[in-house]
Amino acid sequence: LLLAVFSAPVLLLILFIAPILEAIGQDPEVAKGVGVYLGYQIPYLFFAIQFELLRRFLQCQRIFIPVMGVMLVAVIVHPITCYIFIIKMELGLMGGAFSLNIVGALLVGGLLIYIHQSEEVKPTWIKFSSDALNGWSEYLRVGGPAAIMVIAEHWGIFLLSFEAGYLTRRELS
């Protein structure tokens, strides 16, 4: 929930990035490209939040191997999907975003499959109850900084994309 709340500004920034970039003097072609890429990357924001939650859920139980395995598969699949979407299908920026979305879905799907199939995790993977809403002050004290850290990472990626728009084609190559 905290990650979703802190992601709302990122989502708003993504939705209006092209006009914002143009308003501060960015080349319209570059602003449009950034807007297209980030717009098609919106589903990844959901996957990133879910992956972080599942990863931390497993790590709190000292379960690391499945997380590493899923990430290894993602590292192998990502260049392949990039090649297919960007080069073979000639989708350009859209293809890069599609590839990232597929990898995000793979990360979340892999961990969910492990969680639902593992006997080791079943005692801690319980259905939602109203008891989960108790103790929010403690949760916010501990979870707030962690959520800010995760969102700051995503903000950093978006800021780097923003700054890359000020580089000329020659500097980028």
N, C-alpha and C. Protein backbone atom coordinates (compact mmCIF):
# COMPACT_ATOMS: atom_id res chain seq x y z
N LEU A 1 0.83 -1.19 0.00
CA LEU A 1 0.00 0.00 0.00
C LEU A 1 0.87 1.25 0.00
N LEU A 2 1.92 1.24 0.84
CA LEU A 2 2.81 2.40 0.88
C LEU A 2 3.50 2.61 -0.46
N LEU A 3 3.94 1.52 -1.06
CA LEU A 3 4.60 1.65 -2.36
C LEU A 3 3.66 2.23 -3.40
N ALA A 4 2.42 1.80 -3.37
CA ALA A 4 1.44 2.33 -4.32
C ALA A 4 1.20 3.82 -4.09
N VAL A 5 1.13 4.23 -2.84
CA VAL A 5 0.92 5.65 -2.53
C VAL A 5 2.10 6.48 -3.01
N PHE A 6 3.31 6.00 -2.73
CA PHE A 6 4.49 6.75 -3.15
C PHE A 6 4.71 6.67 -4.67
N SER A 7 4.08 5.72 -5.33
CA SER A 7 4.21 5.61 -6.79
C SER A 7 3.27 6.56 -7.53
N ALA A 8 2.25 7.07 -6.85
CA ALA A 8 1.29 7.96 -7.51
C ALA A 8 1.97 9.17 -8.16
N PRO A 9 2.91 9.85 -7.49
CA PRO A 9 3.58 10.97 -8.17
C PRO A 9 4.36 10.53 -9.41
N VAL A 10 4.95 9.34 -9.34
CA VAL A 10 5.68 8.83 -10.50
C VAL A 10 4.71 8.61 -11.66
N LEU A 11 3.56 8.05 -11.37
CA LEU A 11 2.55 7.81 -12.41
C LEU A 11 2.09 9.12 -13.03
N LEU A 12 1.85 10.12 -12.21
CA LEU A 12 1.45 11.43 -12.73
C LEU A 12 2.55 12.04 -13.59
N LEU A 13 3.78 11.90 -13.16
CA LEU A 13 4.91 12.41 -13.94
C LEU A 13 4.98 11.70 -15.29
N ILE A 14 4.79 10.39 -15.29
CA ILE A 14 4.83 9.63 -16.53
C ILE A 14 3.74 10.09 -17.49
N LEU A 15 2.54 10.28 -16.97
CA LEU A 15 1.42 10.65 -17.83
C LEU A 15 1.61 12.01 -18.50
N PHE A 16 2.31 12.91 -17.84
CA PHE A 16 2.47 14.26 -18.37
C PHE A 16 3.91 14.62 -18.71
N ILE A 17 4.77 13.62 -18.89
CA ILE A 17 6.19 13.88 -19.08
C ILE A 17 6.48 14.62 -20.39
N ALA A 18 5.83 14.27 -21.48
CA ALA A 18 6.14 14.92 -22.76
C ALA A 18 5.85 16.42 -22.70
N PRO A 19 4.66 16.86 -22.26
CA PRO A 19 4.44 18.30 -22.19
C PRO A 19 5.37 19.00 -21.18
N ILE A 20 5.70 18.31 -20.09
CA ILE A 20 6.60 18.90 -19.10
C ILE A 20 7.97 19.12 -19.72
N LEU A 21 8.46 18.10 -20.42
CA LEU A 21 9.78 18.22 -21.05
C LEU A 21 9.80 19.33 -22.10
N GLU A 22 8.76 19.40 -22.90
CA GLU A 22 8.69 20.46 -23.91
C GLU A 22 8.63 21.83 -23.26
N ALA A 23 7.91 21.95 -22.15
CA ALA A 23 7.77 23.24 -21.46
C ALA A 23 9.09 23.74 -20.91
N ILE A 24 10.00 22.85 -20.57
CA ILE A 24 11.29 23.29 -20.04
C ILE A 24 12.39 23.30 -21.10
N GLY A 25 11.96 23.24 -22.36
CA GLY A 25 12.91 23.43 -23.46
C GLY A 25 13.48 22.19 -24.08
N GLN A 26 12.94 21.04 -23.78
CA GLN A 26 13.43 19.80 -24.38
C GLN A 26 13.01 19.73 -25.84
N ASP A 27 13.82 19.10 -26.64
CA ASP A 27 13.50 18.88 -28.05
C ASP A 27 12.18 18.11 -28.13
N PRO A 28 11.20 18.59 -28.93
CA PRO A 28 9.90 17.92 -28.99
C PRO A 28 9.97 16.44 -29.39
N GLU A 29 10.89 16.11 -30.28
CA GLU A 29 11.03 14.70 -30.70
C GLU A 29 11.50 13.82 -29.55
N VAL A 30 12.46 14.33 -28.79
CA VAL A 30 12.97 13.58 -27.64
C VAL A 30 11.89 13.48 -26.56
N ALA A 31 11.18 14.59 -26.31
CA ALA A 31 10.12 14.58 -25.30
C ALA A 31 9.04 13.57 -25.67
N LYS A 32 8.70 13.52 -26.94
CA LYS A 32 7.69 12.56 -27.38
C LYS A 32 8.20 11.12 -27.19
N GLY A 33 9.46 10.88 -27.51
CA GLY A 33 10.04 9.55 -27.35
C GLY A 33 10.05 9.10 -25.89
N VAL A 34 10.43 10.01 -25.00
CA VAL A 34 10.42 9.70 -23.57
C VAL A 34 9.00 9.42 -23.11
N GLY A 35 8.06 10.22 -23.58
CA GLY A 35 6.66 10.01 -23.21
C GLY A 35 6.13 8.68 -23.68
N VAL A 36 6.48 8.29 -24.90
CA VAL A 36 6.04 7.00 -25.44
C VAL A 36 6.64 5.86 -24.62
N TYR A 37 7.95 5.92 -24.39
CA TYR A 37 8.62 4.84 -23.66
C TYR A 37 8.04 4.70 -22.25
N LEU A 38 7.98 5.81 -21.53
CA LEU A 38 7.49 5.73 -20.15
C LEU A 38 6.01 5.40 -20.09
N GLY A 39 5.25 5.86 -21.07
CA GLY A 39 3.82 5.53 -21.11
C GLY A 39 3.57 4.04 -21.26
N TYR A 40 4.34 3.40 -22.13
CA TYR A 40 4.19 1.95 -22.31
C TYR A 40 4.83 1.16 -21.17
N GLN A 41 5.61 1.85 -20.34
CA GLN A 41 6.27 1.19 -19.22
C GLN A 41 5.43 1.25 -17.95
N ILE A 42 4.28 1.87 -17.97
CA ILE A 42 3.43 2.00 -16.77
C ILE A 42 3.11 0.65 -16.13
N PRO A 43 2.78 -0.40 -16.88
CA PRO A 43 2.51 -1.69 -16.22
C PRO A 43 3.70 -2.18 -15.39
N TYR A 44 4.91 -1.84 -15.81
CA TYR A 44 6.09 -2.27 -15.06
C TYR A 44 6.08 -1.71 -13.64
N LEU A 45 5.54 -0.53 -13.46
CA LEU A 45 5.47 0.06 -12.13
C LEU A 45 4.70 -0.87 -11.19
N PHE A 46 3.57 -1.40 -11.67
CA PHE A 46 2.79 -2.36 -10.88
C PHE A 46 3.62 -3.62 -10.59
N PHE A 47 4.28 -4.14 -11.62
CA PHE A 47 5.09 -5.35 -11.43
C PHE A 47 6.23 -5.11 -10.46
N ALA A 48 6.87 -3.94 -10.54
CA ALA A 48 7.99 -3.64 -9.66
C ALA A 48 7.54 -3.60 -8.21
N ILE A 49 6.37 -3.00 -7.95
CA ILE A 49 5.84 -2.94 -6.59
C ILE A 49 5.57 -4.35 -6.07
N GLN A 50 4.90 -5.16 -6.89
CA GLN A 50 4.57 -6.53 -6.47
C GLN A 50 5.83 -7.36 -6.25
N PHE A 51 6.80 -7.21 -7.13
CA PHE A 51 8.04 -7.97 -6.99
C PHE A 51 8.76 -7.60 -5.70
N GLU A 52 8.84 -6.31 -5.40
CA GLU A 52 9.51 -5.88 -4.18
C GLU A 52 8.81 -6.46 -2.94
N LEU A 53 7.50 -6.45 -2.95
CA LEU A 53 6.76 -7.00 -1.81
C LEU A 53 7.02 -8.50 -1.66
N LEU A 54 6.93 -9.24 -2.76
CA LEU A 54 7.15 -10.68 -2.71
C LEU A 54 8.59 -11.01 -2.33
N ARG A 55 9.53 -10.26 -2.88
CA ARG A 55 10.95 -10.48 -2.58
C ARG A 55 11.21 -10.27 -1.09
N ARG A 56 10.68 -9.20 -0.55
CA ARG A 56 10.89 -8.92 0.87
C ARG A 56 10.17 -9.95 1.76
N PHE A 57 9.01 -10.38 1.32
CA PHE A 57 8.28 -11.42 2.05
C PHE A 57 9.14 -12.68 2.18
N LEU A 58 9.77 -13.08 1.09
CA LEU A 58 10.62 -14.27 1.12
C LEU A 58 11.91 -14.01 1.88
N GLN A 59 12.51 -12.85 1.71
CA GLN A 59 13.76 -12.56 2.39
C GLN A 59 13.59 -12.50 3.91
N CYS A 60 12.43 -12.04 4.36
CA CYS A 60 12.16 -12.01 5.81
C CYS A 60 12.15 -13.41 6.40
N GLN A 61 11.95 -14.41 5.56
CA GLN A 61 11.95 -15.80 6.01
C GLN A 61 13.26 -16.50 5.67
N ARG A 62 14.24 -15.72 5.26
CA ARG A 62 15.56 -16.23 4.87
C ARG A 62 15.48 -17.18 3.68
N ILE A 63 14.62 -16.84 2.75
CA ILE A 63 14.49 -17.62 1.52
C ILE A 63 15.04 -16.74 0.39
N PHE A 64 16.22 -17.12 -0.11
CA PHE A 64 16.90 -16.29 -1.11
C PHE A 64 17.05 -16.97 -2.47
N ILE A 65 17.20 -18.26 -2.49
CA ILE A 65 17.49 -18.99 -3.72
C ILE A 65 16.40 -18.82 -4.78
N PRO A 66 15.11 -18.94 -4.44
CA PRO A 66 14.08 -18.74 -5.48
C PRO A 66 14.10 -17.33 -6.07
N VAL A 67 14.38 -16.34 -5.23
CA VAL A 67 14.45 -14.96 -5.72
C VAL A 67 15.61 -14.83 -6.71
N MET A 68 16.76 -15.38 -6.33
CA MET A 68 17.91 -15.33 -7.23
C MET A 68 17.63 -16.10 -8.52
N GLY A 69 16.96 -17.24 -8.41
CA GLY A 69 16.64 -18.04 -9.60
C GLY A 69 15.72 -17.29 -10.56
N VAL A 70 14.69 -16.66 -10.01
CA VAL A 70 13.76 -15.90 -10.85
C VAL A 70 14.48 -14.72 -11.50
N MET A 71 15.36 -14.06 -10.73
CA MET A 71 16.09 -12.93 -11.29
C MET A 71 17.08 -13.39 -12.37
N LEU A 72 17.67 -14.55 -12.20
CA LEU A 72 18.58 -15.09 -13.21
C LEU A 72 17.83 -15.37 -14.51
N VAL A 73 16.66 -15.96 -14.39
CA VAL A 73 15.83 -16.20 -15.58
C VAL A 73 15.49 -14.89 -16.26
N ALA A 74 15.15 -13.87 -15.46
CA ALA A 74 14.80 -12.56 -16.02
C ALA A 74 15.99 -11.94 -16.75
N VAL A 75 17.19 -12.10 -16.18
CA VAL A 75 18.39 -11.55 -16.82
C VAL A 75 18.65 -12.24 -18.16
N ILE A 76 18.32 -13.50 -18.26
CA ILE A 76 18.50 -14.23 -19.52
C ILE A 76 17.41 -13.87 -20.53
N VAL A 77 16.17 -13.74 -20.05
CA VAL A 77 15.04 -13.48 -20.94
C VAL A 77 15.03 -12.04 -21.47
N HIS A 78 15.48 -11.09 -20.65
CA HIS A 78 15.37 -9.68 -21.03
C HIS A 78 16.08 -9.33 -22.34
N PRO A 79 17.35 -9.73 -22.54
CA PRO A 79 17.99 -9.39 -23.83
C PRO A 79 17.30 -10.06 -25.02
N ILE A 80 16.77 -11.25 -24.78
CA ILE A 80 16.07 -11.96 -25.87
C ILE A 80 14.80 -11.21 -26.25
N THR A 81 14.02 -10.80 -25.24
CA THR A 81 12.79 -10.07 -25.55
C THR A 81 13.10 -8.70 -26.15
N CYS A 82 14.17 -8.07 -25.68
CA CYS A 82 14.58 -6.79 -26.29
C CYS A 82 14.91 -6.98 -27.76
N TYR A 83 15.66 -8.02 -28.07
CA TYR A 83 16.03 -8.30 -29.46
C TYR A 83 14.78 -8.53 -30.31
N ILE A 84 13.87 -9.32 -29.79
CA ILE A 84 12.65 -9.63 -30.55
C ILE A 84 11.81 -8.38 -30.78
N PHE A 85 11.52 -7.63 -29.72
CA PHE A 85 10.62 -6.48 -29.85
C PHE A 85 11.27 -5.28 -30.52
N ILE A 86 12.52 -4.98 -30.17
CA ILE A 86 13.15 -3.77 -30.69
C ILE A 86 13.70 -3.98 -32.09
N ILE A 87 14.38 -5.09 -32.32
CA ILE A 87 15.06 -5.29 -33.60
C ILE A 87 14.21 -6.08 -34.59
N LYS A 88 13.76 -7.26 -34.20
CA LYS A 88 13.01 -8.11 -35.14
C LYS A 88 11.64 -7.51 -35.49
N MET A 89 10.91 -7.07 -34.48
CA MET A 89 9.57 -6.52 -34.74
C MET A 89 9.61 -5.02 -35.02
N GLU A 90 10.79 -4.42 -34.89
CA GLU A 90 11.02 -3.00 -35.17
C GLU A 90 10.05 -2.08 -34.43
N LEU A 91 9.87 -2.35 -33.14
CA LEU A 91 8.96 -1.53 -32.33
C LEU A 91 9.67 -0.37 -31.63
N GLY A 92 10.98 -0.33 -31.68
CA GLY A 92 11.72 0.79 -31.11
C GLY A 92 11.49 0.94 -29.62
N LEU A 93 11.21 2.18 -29.20
CA LEU A 93 11.01 2.48 -27.78
C LEU A 93 9.87 1.66 -27.18
N MET A 94 8.80 1.49 -27.94
CA MET A 94 7.68 0.68 -27.47
C MET A 94 8.14 -0.74 -27.16
N GLY A 95 8.99 -1.28 -28.02
CA GLY A 95 9.49 -2.64 -27.84
C GLY A 95 10.32 -2.78 -26.57
N GLY A 96 11.12 -1.75 -26.26
CA GLY A 96 11.90 -1.77 -25.02
C GLY A 96 11.00 -1.80 -23.80
N ALA A 97 9.94 -1.01 -23.85
CA ALA A 97 9.00 -0.98 -22.73
C ALA A 97 8.24 -2.31 -22.62
N PHE A 98 7.83 -2.87 -23.75
CA PHE A 98 7.14 -4.16 -23.74
C PHE A 98 8.04 -5.24 -23.14
N SER A 99 9.31 -5.20 -23.51
CA SER A 99 10.26 -6.18 -23.00
C SER A 99 10.39 -6.07 -21.48
N LEU A 100 10.48 -4.85 -20.99
CA LEU A 100 10.58 -4.64 -19.55
C LEU A 100 9.31 -5.12 -18.84
N ASN A 101 8.15 -4.88 -19.43
CA ASN A 101 6.90 -5.34 -18.84
C ASN A 101 6.85 -6.86 -18.76
N ILE A 102 7.33 -7.53 -19.79
CA ILE A 102 7.35 -9.00 -19.80
C ILE A 102 8.27 -9.51 -18.70
N VAL A 103 9.42 -8.89 -18.56
CA VAL A 103 10.35 -9.30 -17.51
C VAL A 103 9.74 -9.07 -16.13
N GLY A 104 9.06 -7.94 -15.94
CA GLY A 104 8.39 -7.67 -14.67
C GLY A 104 7.35 -8.72 -14.36
N ALA A 105 6.56 -9.09 -15.36
CA ALA A 105 5.53 -10.12 -15.17
C ALA A 105 6.18 -11.47 -14.85
N LEU A 106 7.30 -11.75 -15.49
CA LEU A 106 8.03 -12.99 -15.23
C LEU A 106 8.54 -13.03 -13.79
N LEU A 107 9.08 -11.93 -13.32
CA LEU A 107 9.58 -11.87 -11.94
C LEU A 107 8.46 -12.12 -10.93
N VAL A 108 7.35 -11.42 -11.11
CA VAL A 108 6.22 -11.58 -10.18
C VAL A 108 5.62 -12.97 -10.31
N GLY A 109 5.39 -13.42 -11.53
CA GLY A 109 4.80 -14.74 -11.75
C GLY A 109 5.66 -15.85 -11.17
N GLY A 110 6.97 -15.75 -11.36
CA GLY A 110 7.88 -16.78 -10.83
C GLY A 110 7.83 -16.86 -9.32
N LEU A 111 7.83 -15.71 -8.65
CA LEU A 111 7.77 -15.73 -7.18
C LEU A 111 6.41 -16.20 -6.68
N LEU A 112 5.34 -15.80 -7.36
CA LEU A 112 4.00 -16.26 -6.95
C LEU A 112 3.87 -17.77 -7.09
N ILE A 113 4.40 -18.32 -8.18
CA ILE A 113 4.36 -19.77 -8.36
C ILE A 113 5.13 -20.45 -7.23
N TYR A 114 6.32 -19.93 -6.92
CA TYR A 114 7.09 -20.53 -5.83
C TYR A 114 6.32 -20.46 -4.51
N ILE A 115 5.77 -19.30 -4.20
CA ILE A 115 5.07 -19.11 -2.93
C ILE A 115 3.88 -20.06 -2.82
N HIS A 116 3.14 -20.22 -3.90
CA HIS A 116 1.96 -21.08 -3.83
C HIS A 116 2.30 -22.57 -3.87
N GLN A 117 3.47 -22.94 -4.37
CA GLN A 117 3.85 -24.34 -4.45
C GLN A 117 4.72 -24.80 -3.29
N SER A 118 5.33 -23.87 -2.58
CA SER A 118 6.29 -24.21 -1.54
C SER A 118 5.60 -24.53 -0.22
N GLU A 119 5.95 -25.66 0.35
CA GLU A 119 5.44 -26.03 1.68
C GLU A 119 6.10 -25.16 2.74
N GLU A 120 7.31 -24.69 2.47
CA GLU A 120 8.07 -23.89 3.42
C GLU A 120 7.39 -22.54 3.70
N VAL A 121 6.67 -22.01 2.73
CA VAL A 121 6.08 -20.67 2.83
C VAL A 121 4.61 -20.73 3.26
N LYS A 122 3.94 -21.85 3.05
CA LYS A 122 2.49 -21.92 3.31
C LYS A 122 2.06 -21.46 4.70
N PRO A 123 2.79 -21.76 5.77
CA PRO A 123 2.32 -21.29 7.09
C PRO A 123 2.27 -19.76 7.21
N THR A 124 3.08 -19.06 6.45
CA THR A 124 3.11 -17.60 6.56
C THR A 124 2.29 -16.90 5.49
N TRP A 125 1.85 -17.61 4.49
CA TRP A 125 1.07 -17.03 3.39
C TRP A 125 -0.40 -17.28 3.71
N ILE A 126 -1.00 -16.34 4.43
CA ILE A 126 -2.38 -16.53 4.88
C ILE A 126 -3.31 -15.57 4.15
N LYS A 127 -4.58 -15.87 4.22
CA LYS A 127 -5.58 -15.00 3.60
C LYS A 127 -5.69 -13.69 4.38
N PHE A 128 -6.17 -12.67 3.71
CA PHE A 128 -6.32 -11.36 4.32
C PHE A 128 -7.38 -11.41 5.42
N SER A 129 -7.09 -10.73 6.52
CA SER A 129 -8.08 -10.58 7.59
C SER A 129 -7.97 -9.15 8.13
N SER A 130 -8.95 -8.76 8.90
CA SER A 130 -8.94 -7.40 9.46
C SER A 130 -7.81 -7.22 10.47
N ASP A 131 -7.25 -8.29 10.97
CA ASP A 131 -6.11 -8.19 11.89
C ASP A 131 -4.91 -7.54 11.21
N ALA A 132 -4.85 -7.62 9.90
CA ALA A 132 -3.74 -7.03 9.17
C ALA A 132 -3.72 -5.51 9.27
N LEU A 133 -4.84 -4.92 9.65
CA LEU A 133 -4.92 -3.47 9.75
C LEU A 133 -4.51 -2.95 11.13
N ASN A 134 -4.22 -3.84 12.06
CA ASN A 134 -3.76 -3.43 13.39
C ASN A 134 -2.27 -3.13 13.36
N GLY A 135 -1.82 -2.20 14.18
CA GLY A 135 -0.40 -1.91 14.30
C GLY A 135 0.18 -1.11 13.15
N TRP A 136 -0.62 -0.28 12.51
CA TRP A 136 -0.14 0.48 11.35
C TRP A 136 0.92 1.51 11.72
N SER A 137 0.88 2.04 12.94
CA SER A 137 1.88 3.04 13.31
C SER A 137 3.28 2.43 13.30
N GLU A 138 3.41 1.22 13.82
CA GLU A 138 4.71 0.53 13.79
C GLU A 138 5.11 0.21 12.36
N TYR A 139 4.15 -0.25 11.60
CA TYR A 139 4.43 -0.59 10.20
C TYR A 139 4.91 0.63 9.43
N LEU A 140 4.26 1.75 9.61
CA LEU A 140 4.66 2.97 8.91
C LEU A 140 6.04 3.43 9.36
N ARG A 141 6.35 3.26 10.62
CA ARG A 141 7.66 3.66 11.13
C ARG A 141 8.77 2.84 10.47
N VAL A 142 8.52 1.56 10.27
CA VAL A 142 9.53 0.68 9.67
C VAL A 142 9.40 0.65 8.14
N GLY A 143 8.17 0.54 7.66
CA GLY A 143 7.95 0.38 6.22
C GLY A 143 8.06 1.65 5.41
N GLY A 144 7.81 2.79 6.04
CA GLY A 144 7.88 4.06 5.32
C GLY A 144 9.23 4.32 4.68
N PRO A 145 10.32 4.27 5.46
CA PRO A 145 11.64 4.48 4.85
C PRO A 145 11.98 3.45 3.77
N ALA A 146 11.57 2.21 3.96
CA ALA A 146 11.83 1.18 2.94
C ALA A 146 11.08 1.50 1.65
N ALA A 147 9.83 1.94 1.78
CA ALA A 147 9.04 2.30 0.59
C ALA A 147 9.66 3.50 -0.11
N ILE A 148 10.11 4.46 0.66
CA ILE A 148 10.75 5.64 0.07
C ILE A 148 12.01 5.24 -0.68
N MET A 149 12.77 4.30 -0.13
CA MET A 149 13.99 3.84 -0.79
C MET A 149 13.68 3.19 -2.14
N VAL A 150 12.68 2.34 -2.17
CA VAL A 150 12.32 1.65 -3.42
C VAL A 150 11.83 2.66 -4.46
N ILE A 151 10.98 3.58 -4.05
CA ILE A 151 10.46 4.58 -4.98
C ILE A 151 11.56 5.52 -5.43
N ALA A 152 12.50 5.84 -4.54
CA ALA A 152 13.62 6.71 -4.93
C ALA A 152 14.44 6.06 -6.04
N GLU A 153 14.56 4.75 -6.00
CA GLU A 153 15.27 4.04 -7.07
C GLU A 153 14.57 4.26 -8.41
N HIS A 154 13.25 4.15 -8.42
CA HIS A 154 12.50 4.35 -9.66
C HIS A 154 12.54 5.81 -10.09
N TRP A 155 12.48 6.73 -9.14
CA TRP A 155 12.60 8.15 -9.48
C TRP A 155 13.96 8.42 -10.12
N GLY A 156 15.00 7.75 -9.59
CA GLY A 156 16.33 7.92 -10.16
C GLY A 156 16.39 7.49 -11.61
N ILE A 157 15.74 6.38 -11.93
CA ILE A 157 15.71 5.92 -13.31
C ILE A 157 15.00 6.94 -14.20
N PHE A 158 13.89 7.47 -13.72
CA PHE A 158 13.15 8.45 -14.51
C PHE A 158 13.95 9.74 -14.67
N LEU A 159 14.66 10.14 -13.62
CA LEU A 159 15.48 11.36 -13.73
C LEU A 159 16.63 11.17 -14.70
N LEU A 160 17.22 9.97 -14.72
CA LEU A 160 18.28 9.69 -15.70
C LEU A 160 17.72 9.74 -17.12
N SER A 161 16.52 9.20 -17.30
CA SER A 161 15.88 9.29 -18.62
C SER A 161 15.65 10.74 -19.00
N PHE A 162 15.25 11.53 -18.03
CA PHE A 162 15.02 12.95 -18.25
C PHE A 162 16.32 13.65 -18.65
N GLU A 163 17.38 13.41 -17.91
CA GLU A 163 18.66 14.04 -18.20
C GLU A 163 19.23 13.58 -19.55
N ALA A 164 18.99 12.34 -19.91
CA ALA A 164 19.49 11.84 -21.19
C ALA A 164 18.91 12.62 -22.36
N GLY A 165 17.75 13.20 -22.17
CA GLY A 165 17.13 13.99 -23.22
C GLY A 165 17.90 15.24 -23.56
N TYR A 166 18.77 15.69 -22.68
CA TYR A 166 19.55 16.89 -22.95
C TYR A 166 20.86 16.58 -23.68
N LEU A 167 21.14 15.31 -23.89
CA LEU A 167 22.34 14.93 -24.63
C LEU A 167 22.04 14.92 -26.12
N THR A 168 23.02 15.31 -26.90
CA THR A 168 22.84 15.29 -28.36
C THR A 168 22.99 13.85 -28.84
N ARG A 169 22.59 13.63 -30.09
CA ARG A 169 22.73 12.28 -30.66
C ARG A 169 24.18 11.83 -30.64
N ARG A 170 25.08 12.76 -30.89
CA ARG A 170 26.51 12.44 -30.90
C ARG A 170 26.98 12.00 -29.51
N GLU A 171 26.53 12.72 -28.47
CA GLU A 171 26.91 12.37 -27.11
C GLU A 171 26.32 11.02 -26.69
N LEU A 172 25.12 10.72 -27.15
CA LEU A 172 24.50 9.46 -26.80
C LEU A 172 25.17 8.27 -27.49
N SER A 173 25.70 8.49 -28.68
CA SER A 173 26.36 7.39 -29.38
C SER A 173 27.78 7.30 -28.93
